[in-house]
């Protein structure tokens, strides 16, 4: 299953579990005179982020079964975890809710 499919399934599963979840979108476009403009979030920002009311925020990097984190993604997850957030890699929708709830209970 590709990352886009996993991402959408994760969003649905988290929403059904009562979480508020957002998709982080970034982009690049060019002005009429050819200058590049980057929009969005810092390099390495997770694919999904959100919270369960009354609990810690979460940041989720979605990867396929064979996908690997880029160094900036790993650094971002580490930084969020160091600040008390839940920071995980999701490879399937079935376990993402369990992981978010389990880390919230710690």
C-alpha atoms as a PDB file:
ATOM      1  CA  UNK A   1       0.000   0.000   0.000  1.00  0.00           C
ATOM      2  CA  UNK A   2       1.360   3.447  -0.853  1.00  0.00           C
ATOM      3  CA  UNK A   3       1.874   6.271   1.618  1.00  0.00           C
ATOM      4  CA  UNK A   4      -1.071   8.331   0.342  1.00  0.00           C
ATOM      5  CA  UNK A   5      -3.486   5.438   0.981  1.00  0.00           C
ATOM      6  CA  UNK A   6      -2.024   4.835   4.427  1.00  0.00           C
ATOM      7  CA  UNK A   7      -2.262   8.548   5.220  1.00  0.00           C
ATOM      8  CA  UNK A   8      -5.961   8.746   4.344  1.00  0.00           C
ATOM      9  CA  UNK A   9      -6.737   5.602   6.324  1.00  0.00           C
ATOM     10  CA  UNK A  10      -4.820   6.940   9.317  1.00  0.00           C
ATOM     11  CA  UNK A  11      -6.767  10.206   9.198  1.00  0.00           C
ATOM     12  CA  UNK A  12     -10.063   8.320   9.123  1.00  0.00           C
ATOM     13  CA  UNK A  13      -9.095   5.949  11.946  1.00  0.00           C
ATOM     14  CA  UNK A  14      -7.862   8.793  14.162  1.00  0.00           C
ATOM     15  CA  UNK A  15     -11.001  10.840  13.493  1.00  0.00           C
ATOM     16  CA  UNK A  16     -13.220   7.873  14.313  1.00  0.00           C
ATOM     17  CA  UNK A  17     -11.318   7.485  17.606  1.00  0.00           C
ATOM     18  CA  UNK A  18     -12.186  11.071  18.598  1.00  0.00           C
ATOM     19  CA  UNK A  19      -8.910  12.720  17.604  1.00  0.00           C
ATOM     20  CA  UNK A  20      -8.672  16.009  15.779  1.00  0.00           C
ATOM     21  CA  UNK A  21      -6.218  15.411  12.948  1.00  0.00           C
ATOM     22  CA  UNK A  22      -4.754  17.699  10.296  1.00  0.00           C
ATOM     23  CA  UNK A  23      -2.849  17.012   7.101  1.00  0.00           C
ATOM     24  CA  UNK A  24       0.259  19.134   6.699  1.00  0.00           C
ATOM     25  CA  UNK A  25       0.535  20.433   3.144  1.00  0.00           C
ATOM     26  CA  UNK A  26       3.493  22.276   1.712  1.00  0.00           C
ATOM     27  CA  UNK A  27       4.324  23.426  -1.760  1.00  0.00           C
ATOM     28  CA  UNK A  28       6.530  25.267  -4.167  1.00  0.00           C
ATOM     29  CA  UNK A  29       5.408  27.650  -6.869  1.00  0.00           C
ATOM     30  CA  UNK A  30       7.051  30.204  -9.093  1.00  0.00           C
ATOM     31  CA  UNK A  31       6.149  33.840  -9.465  1.00  0.00           C
ATOM     32  CA  UNK A  32       5.562  35.260 -12.940  1.00  0.00           C
ATOM     33  CA  UNK A  33       9.146  36.437 -13.056  1.00  0.00           C
ATOM     34  CA  UNK A  34      10.439  32.955 -12.186  1.00  0.00           C
ATOM     35  CA  UNK A  35      11.269  33.345  -8.499  1.00  0.00           C
ATOM     36  CA  UNK A  36      10.569  30.216  -6.393  1.00  0.00           C
ATOM     37  CA  UNK A  37       8.298  30.617  -3.366  1.00  0.00           C
ATOM     38  CA  UNK A  38       8.030  27.856  -0.755  1.00  0.00           C
ATOM     39  CA  UNK A  39       4.837  27.668   1.274  1.00  0.00           C
ATOM     40  CA  UNK A  40       3.915  25.681   4.300  1.00  0.00           C
ATOM     41  CA  UNK A  41       5.781  24.321   7.246  1.00  0.00           C
ATOM     42  CA  UNK A  42       9.371  23.752   8.399  1.00  0.00           C
ATOM     43  CA  UNK A  43      11.485  21.102   6.683  1.00  0.00           C
ATOM     44  CA  UNK A  44      10.778  17.693   8.216  1.00  0.00           C
ATOM     45  CA  UNK A  45       7.326  18.604   9.592  1.00  0.00           C
ATOM     46  CA  UNK A  46       5.203  15.474   9.982  1.00  0.00           C
ATOM     47  CA  UNK A  47       2.494  14.430   7.520  1.00  0.00           C
ATOM     48  CA  UNK A  48      -0.219  14.430  10.181  1.00  0.00           C
ATOM     49  CA  UNK A  49      -0.607  16.299  13.443  1.00  0.00           C
ATOM     50  CA  UNK A  50      -3.374  16.830  15.934  1.00  0.00           C
ATOM     51  CA  UNK A  51      -4.642  16.005  19.392  1.00  0.00           C
ATOM     52  CA  UNK A  52      -7.126  14.054  21.415  1.00  0.00           C
ATOM     53  CA  UNK A  53      -9.027  16.432  23.732  1.00  0.00           C
ATOM     54  CA  UNK A  54      -7.346  16.636  27.125  1.00  0.00           C
ATOM     55  CA  UNK A  55      -4.288  14.719  25.977  1.00  0.00           C
ATOM     56  CA  UNK A  56      -0.887  15.365  24.441  1.00  0.00           C
ATOM     57  CA  UNK A  57      -0.568  16.531  20.836  1.00  0.00           C
ATOM     58  CA  UNK A  58       0.701  14.055  18.255  1.00  0.00           C
ATOM     59  CA  UNK A  59       2.883  14.224  15.164  1.00  0.00           C
ATOM     60  CA  UNK A  60       2.801  11.307  12.733  1.00  0.00           C
ATOM     61  CA  UNK A  61       5.110  10.637   9.823  1.00  0.00           C
ATOM     62  CA  UNK A  62       3.441   8.234   7.394  1.00  0.00           C
ATOM     63  CA  UNK A  63       5.641   5.720   5.576  1.00  0.00           C
ATOM     64  CA  UNK A  64       5.004   2.647   3.455  1.00  0.00           C
ATOM     65  CA  UNK A  65       6.291  -0.728   4.634  1.00  0.00           C
ATOM     66  CA  UNK A  66       9.631  -0.007   2.956  1.00  0.00           C
ATOM     67  CA  UNK A  67       9.718   3.784   3.338  1.00  0.00           C
ATOM     68  CA  UNK A  68      12.518   5.408   5.308  1.00  0.00           C
ATOM     69  CA  UNK A  69      12.630   8.629   7.276  1.00  0.00           C
ATOM     70  CA  UNK A  70      14.726  11.445   5.894  1.00  0.00           C
ATOM     71  CA  UNK A  71      17.147  12.950   8.440  1.00  0.00           C
ATOM     72  CA  UNK A  72      15.017  16.121   8.732  1.00  0.00           C
ATOM     73  CA  UNK A  73      11.896  14.045   9.461  1.00  0.00           C
ATOM     74  CA  UNK A  74      13.678  12.051  12.134  1.00  0.00           C
ATOM     75  CA  UNK A  75      15.052  15.240  13.704  1.00  0.00           C
ATOM     76  CA  UNK A  76      11.601  16.834  13.734  1.00  0.00           C
ATOM     77  CA  UNK A  77      10.018  13.785  15.429  1.00  0.00           C
ATOM     78  CA  UNK A  78      12.829  13.725  17.999  1.00  0.00           C
ATOM     79  CA  UNK A  79      12.367  17.443  18.717  1.00  0.00           C
ATOM     80  CA  UNK A  80       8.621  17.038  19.222  1.00  0.00           C
ATOM     81  CA  UNK A  81       9.101  14.013  21.500  1.00  0.00           C
ATOM     82  CA  UNK A  82      11.672  15.970  23.536  1.00  0.00           C
ATOM     83  CA  UNK A  83       9.001  18.632  24.051  1.00  0.00           C
ATOM     84  CA  UNK A  84       6.445  16.103  25.352  1.00  0.00           C
ATOM     85  CA  UNK A  85       4.429  15.402  22.199  1.00  0.00           C
ATOM     86  CA  UNK A  86       3.665  11.975  20.793  1.00  0.00           C
ATOM     87  CA  UNK A  87       5.922  11.510  17.770  1.00  0.00           C
ATOM     88  CA  UNK A  88       5.555   8.300  15.784  1.00  0.00           C
ATOM     89  CA  UNK A  89       5.991   6.705  12.383  1.00  0.00           C
ATOM     90  CA  UNK A  90       2.830   5.076  11.010  1.00  0.00           C
ATOM     91  CA  UNK A  91       3.102   2.277   8.488  1.00  0.00           C
ATOM     92  CA  UNK A  92      -0.531   1.194   8.662  1.00  0.00           C
ATOM     93  CA  UNK A  93      -3.832   2.621   9.839  1.00  0.00           C
ATOM     94  CA  UNK A  94      -4.647  -0.349  12.036  1.00  0.00           C
ATOM     95  CA  UNK A  95      -1.985   0.445  14.637  1.00  0.00           C
ATOM     96  CA  UNK A  96      -1.888   4.249  14.538  1.00  0.00           C
ATOM     97  CA  UNK A  97      -4.799   4.779  16.939  1.00  0.00           C
ATOM     98  CA  UNK A  98      -3.391   2.194  19.337  1.00  0.00           C
ATOM     99  CA  UNK A  99      -0.012   3.942  19.284  1.00  0.00           C
ATOM    100  CA  UNK A 100      -1.491   7.395  19.885  1.00  0.00           C
ATOM    101  CA  UNK A 101      -3.677   6.183  22.744  1.00  0.00           C
ATOM    102  CA  UNK A 102      -0.893   4.063  24.280  1.00  0.00           C
ATOM    103  CA  UNK A 103       1.559   6.972  24.293  1.00  0.00           C
ATOM    104  CA  UNK A 104      -1.126   9.223  25.771  1.00  0.00           C
ATOM    105  CA  UNK A 105      -1.483   6.865  28.735  1.00  0.00           C
ATOM    106  CA  UNK A 106       2.218   7.194  29.661  1.00  0.00           C
END
